[in-house]
Amino acid sequence: MLQCAAFSWTLSDLMPTMQRLVVYLMAGWSGYYVMAIELLSGRILAPNFGNSIYVWGGIITVFMIALSVGYLVGGQLSLFAPTQAKLAGLLLAAAATTLPIVMLGDAVLDWLFNRVHDPRYASLLASSTLFFIPTAVSGMVSPYAVRLLATDLRAAGRSAGVLFFVSTFGSAAGTIITSFYMVLWFEVNQIFIGMIAVSALLGAFAVGFRNADRPN
């Protein structure tokens, strides 16, 4: 009985640490996800609009604005009883809003190509239509995660610093893995489907910890 009680106490004592690790994992994957989409967006737009500096200027602009909006909205959402399950919901929402890229991407690009003849504005519109929403939703993850981790005001800065490190490291990993390896091994849509699947699995895994969720 004493051994069972000690084992139970150890698991309950480790649960907060495990929860924090899951939050960091979701933040790191979100950083990976955004950078992978940004790199692949150039591949998606290239057949219709080329690969010029205009196209990349439009892509980068859309992603920066989308992330800015995501940070703002994610910070606001974190004010309303934040939980790990809700953070996982943001990850799942980002995956769901990426599906139209796979399903409708070619049709959207062809439609814009036939109607907007300036490649600068056509690529800007295409980037906004296909990539703005999933990028904005992904951008909500980091500020929301900071709120979950900031349970102690004295350590809030340290928690935010570690989280931004993990998120940025994930972005670097997404950049190098996607550009050096994934595009050589798989088609673009296959990469997207794989990332959506990983987000779904990670979100489901995080929801599995809901029994220990608590509002802050």
Protein backbone atom coordinates (compact mmCIF):
# COMPACT_ATOMS: atom_id res chain seq x y z
CA MET A 1 0.00 0.00 0.00
CA LEU A 2 2.82 2.39 0.86
CA GLN A 3 4.51 1.66 -2.46
CA CYS A 4 1.25 2.33 -4.37
CA ALA A 5 0.74 5.58 -2.49
CA ALA A 6 4.30 6.68 -3.21
CA PHE A 7 3.91 5.82 -6.90
CA SER A 8 0.60 7.73 -7.07
CA TRP A 9 2.19 10.73 -5.35
CA THR A 10 5.09 10.68 -7.82
CA LEU A 11 2.75 10.68 -10.83
CA SER A 12 0.65 13.53 -9.45
CA ASP A 13 3.80 15.47 -8.64
CA LEU A 14 5.13 14.99 -12.20
CA MET A 15 1.87 15.93 -13.92
CA PRO A 16 2.45 19.74 -13.85
CA THR A 17 5.91 19.27 -15.35
CA MET A 18 4.52 16.96 -18.03
CA GLN A 19 1.83 19.51 -18.83
CA ARG A 20 4.43 22.23 -19.25
CA LEU A 21 6.42 19.99 -21.57
CA VAL A 22 3.30 19.39 -23.68
CA VAL A 23 2.74 23.16 -23.91
CA TYR A 24 6.35 23.65 -25.03
CA LEU A 25 5.93 20.85 -27.55
CA MET A 26 2.86 22.49 -29.05
CA ALA A 27 4.62 25.86 -29.24
CA GLY A 28 7.65 24.29 -30.93
CA TRP A 29 5.50 22.44 -33.44
CA SER A 30 3.54 25.62 -34.18
CA GLY A 31 6.80 27.39 -35.04
CA TYR A 32 7.79 24.50 -37.29
CA TYR A 33 4.36 24.52 -38.92
CA VAL A 34 4.39 28.22 -39.80
CA MET A 35 7.84 28.17 -41.38
CA ALA A 36 7.11 25.00 -43.33
CA ILE A 37 3.95 26.55 -44.77
CA GLU A 38 5.80 29.75 -45.64
CA LEU A 39 8.52 27.87 -47.52
CA LEU A 40 6.03 25.64 -49.31
CA SER A 41 3.89 28.63 -50.28
CA GLY A 42 6.60 29.71 -52.70
CA ARG A 43 6.45 26.29 -54.35
CA ILE A 44 2.67 26.51 -54.59
CA LEU A 45 2.60 29.98 -56.14
CA ALA A 46 5.54 29.44 -58.51
CA PRO A 47 3.70 27.62 -61.37
CA ASN A 48 1.24 30.49 -61.74
CA PHE A 49 3.14 33.57 -60.63
CA GLY A 50 6.81 32.64 -60.75
CA ASN A 51 9.42 32.85 -58.02
CA SER A 52 10.44 36.49 -58.23
CA ILE A 53 11.15 38.92 -55.42
CA TYR A 54 7.62 40.30 -55.93
CA VAL A 55 6.11 36.94 -55.11
CA TRP A 56 8.26 36.46 -52.04
CA GLY A 57 7.60 40.04 -50.97
CA GLY A 58 3.87 39.30 -51.02
CA ILE A 59 4.31 36.01 -49.17
CA ILE A 60 6.47 37.49 -46.41
CA THR A 61 4.11 40.46 -45.99
CA VAL A 62 1.07 38.22 -45.60
CA PHE A 63 2.79 35.94 -43.11
CA MET A 64 4.07 38.82 -40.99
CA ILE A 65 0.65 40.48 -40.84
CA ALA A 66 -1.08 37.16 -40.16
CA LEU A 67 1.30 36.38 -37.29
CA SER A 68 0.80 39.89 -35.87
CA VAL A 69 -2.97 39.40 -35.88
CA GLY A 70 -2.56 35.93 -34.39
CA TYR A 71 -0.39 37.23 -31.55
CA LEU A 72 -2.95 39.93 -30.76
CA VAL A 73 -5.96 37.62 -30.85
CA GLY A 74 -4.16 34.83 -28.98
CA GLY A 75 -3.27 37.24 -26.21
CA GLN A 76 -6.90 38.32 -25.91
CA LEU A 77 -8.19 34.73 -25.91
CA SER A 78 -5.78 33.84 -23.11
CA LEU A 79 -7.71 36.15 -20.77
CA PHE A 80 -10.74 33.84 -20.73
CA ALA A 81 -10.08 30.77 -18.54
CA PRO A 82 -7.11 29.39 -20.51
CA THR A 83 -6.63 25.63 -20.53
CA GLN A 84 -4.34 23.20 -22.26
CA ALA A 85 -7.31 21.69 -24.09
CA LYS A 86 -8.12 25.08 -25.60
CA LEU A 87 -4.50 25.49 -26.66
CA ALA A 88 -4.74 22.10 -28.35
CA GLY A 89 -7.90 23.38 -30.03
CA LEU A 90 -5.89 26.21 -31.61
CA LEU A 91 -3.45 23.65 -32.99
CA LEU A 92 -6.33 21.62 -34.43
CA ALA A 93 -7.94 24.76 -35.88
CA ALA A 94 -4.68 25.67 -37.63
CA ALA A 95 -4.58 22.19 -39.15
CA ALA A 96 -8.22 22.37 -40.25
CA THR A 97 -7.76 25.78 -41.90
CA THR A 98 -4.77 24.39 -43.82
CA LEU A 99 -6.91 21.79 -45.58
CA PRO A 100 -8.28 24.28 -48.18
CA ILE A 101 -4.70 24.80 -49.40
CA VAL A 102 -4.57 21.13 -50.35
CA MET A 103 -8.15 20.87 -51.61
CA LEU A 104 -8.70 24.22 -53.33
CA GLY A 105 -5.22 25.68 -53.84
CA ASP A 106 -4.91 24.99 -57.57
CA ALA A 107 -8.42 26.26 -58.34
CA VAL A 108 -7.85 29.49 -56.39
CA LEU A 109 -4.52 30.13 -58.10
CA ASP A 110 -5.93 29.49 -61.57
CA TRP A 111 -8.88 31.79 -60.87
CA LEU A 112 -6.62 34.62 -59.71
CA PHE A 113 -4.16 34.07 -62.55
CA ASN A 114 -6.93 34.57 -65.11
CA ARG A 115 -8.25 37.75 -63.49
CA VAL A 116 -5.32 39.60 -61.91
CA HIS A 117 -2.61 40.14 -64.47
CA ASP A 118 -0.08 41.95 -62.31
CA PRO A 119 1.93 39.15 -60.61
CA ARG A 120 2.69 41.37 -57.63
CA TYR A 121 -0.94 41.82 -56.62
CA ALA A 122 -1.99 38.40 -57.82
CA SER A 123 0.59 36.71 -55.58
CA LEU A 124 -0.39 38.99 -52.69
CA LEU A 125 -4.05 38.06 -53.08
CA ALA A 126 -3.23 34.39 -53.48
CA SER A 127 -1.06 34.39 -50.35
CA SER A 128 -3.77 36.17 -48.38
CA THR A 129 -6.49 33.80 -49.55
CA LEU A 130 -4.64 30.56 -48.93
CA PHE A 131 -2.23 31.23 -46.08
CA PHE A 132 -3.50 34.10 -43.93
CA ILE A 133 -5.99 32.20 -41.77
CA PRO A 134 -3.86 29.12 -40.89
CA THR A 135 -0.89 31.38 -40.16
CA ALA A 136 -2.94 33.71 -37.97
CA VAL A 137 -4.38 30.78 -36.01
CA SER A 138 -0.89 29.33 -35.58
CA GLY A 139 0.27 32.72 -34.32
CA MET A 140 -2.29 32.52 -31.50
CA VAL A 141 -0.47 29.55 -29.98
CA SER A 142 2.57 31.32 -28.51
CA PRO A 143 0.83 34.10 -26.51
CA TYR A 144 -1.79 31.62 -25.32
CA ALA A 145 0.94 29.22 -24.23
CA VAL A 146 2.75 32.01 -22.36
CA ARG A 147 -0.41 32.62 -20.35
CA LEU A 148 -0.66 28.94 -19.43
CA LEU A 149 2.96 28.84 -18.30
CA ALA A 150 2.94 32.14 -16.38
CA THR A 151 1.55 30.78 -13.12
CA ASP A 152 4.20 32.59 -11.08
CA LEU A 153 4.71 36.29 -11.79
CA ARG A 154 8.32 36.11 -10.62
CA ALA A 155 9.12 33.44 -13.20
CA ALA A 156 6.86 34.76 -15.99
CA GLY A 157 9.74 36.30 -17.93
CA ARG A 158 11.78 33.11 -17.75
CA SER A 159 8.83 31.01 -18.90
CA ALA A 160 8.18 33.36 -21.82
CA GLY A 161 11.86 33.30 -22.76
CA VAL A 162 12.01 29.51 -22.78
CA LEU A 163 8.81 29.31 -24.79
CA PHE A 164 10.02 31.79 -27.41
CA PHE A 165 13.28 29.84 -27.60
CA VAL A 166 11.38 26.61 -28.21
CA SER A 167 9.05 28.24 -30.76
CA THR A 168 11.91 29.88 -32.66
CA PHE A 169 13.93 26.66 -32.57
CA GLY A 170 10.89 24.92 -34.03
CA SER A 171 10.78 27.55 -36.78
CA ALA A 172 14.44 26.92 -37.57
CA ALA A 173 13.81 23.18 -37.66
CA GLY A 174 10.83 23.68 -39.96
CA THR A 175 12.94 25.79 -42.28
CA ILE A 176 15.89 23.42 -42.58
CA ILE A 177 13.96 20.14 -42.61
CA THR A 178 11.42 21.34 -45.16
CA SER A 179 13.90 22.99 -47.50
CA PHE A 180 16.71 20.43 -47.23
CA TYR A 181 14.79 17.17 -47.04
CA MET A 182 10.99 17.14 -47.22
CA VAL A 183 10.73 18.80 -50.63
CA LEU A 184 13.16 16.21 -52.01
CA TRP A 185 11.24 13.23 -50.65
CA PHE A 186 7.58 14.21 -51.00
CA GLU A 187 5.14 16.21 -53.10
CA VAL A 188 3.99 19.52 -51.62
CA ASN A 189 0.47 18.27 -50.88
CA GLN A 190 1.89 15.16 -49.21
CA ILE A 191 3.96 17.36 -46.91
CA PHE A 192 0.89 19.41 -46.04
CA ILE A 193 -1.17 16.30 -45.30
CA GLY A 194 1.63 14.93 -43.12
CA MET A 195 1.85 18.16 -41.13
CA ILE A 196 -1.92 18.28 -40.70
CA ALA A 197 -1.81 14.71 -39.39
CA VAL A 198 0.97 15.54 -36.92
CA SER A 199 -1.01 18.56 -35.66
CA ALA A 200 -4.11 16.41 -35.22
CA LEU A 201 -2.19 13.76 -33.29
CA LEU A 202 -0.42 16.31 -31.11
CA GLY A 203 -3.68 18.13 -30.42
CA ALA A 204 -5.40 14.88 -29.46
CA PHE A 205 -2.46 13.95 -27.24
CA ALA A 206 -2.63 17.32 -25.48
CA VAL A 207 -6.37 17.00 -24.92
CA GLY A 208 -5.60 13.70 -23.16
CA PHE A 209 -4.21 15.76 -20.29
CA ARG A 210 -7.48 17.65 -19.85
CA ASN A 211 -8.14 16.03 -16.48
CA ALA A 212 -5.33 18.18 -15.08
CA ASP A 213 -6.34 21.40 -16.87
CA ARG A 214 -7.07 24.32 -14.65
CA PRO A 215 -7.94 27.96 -15.34
CA ASN A 216 -5.45 30.59 -14.28
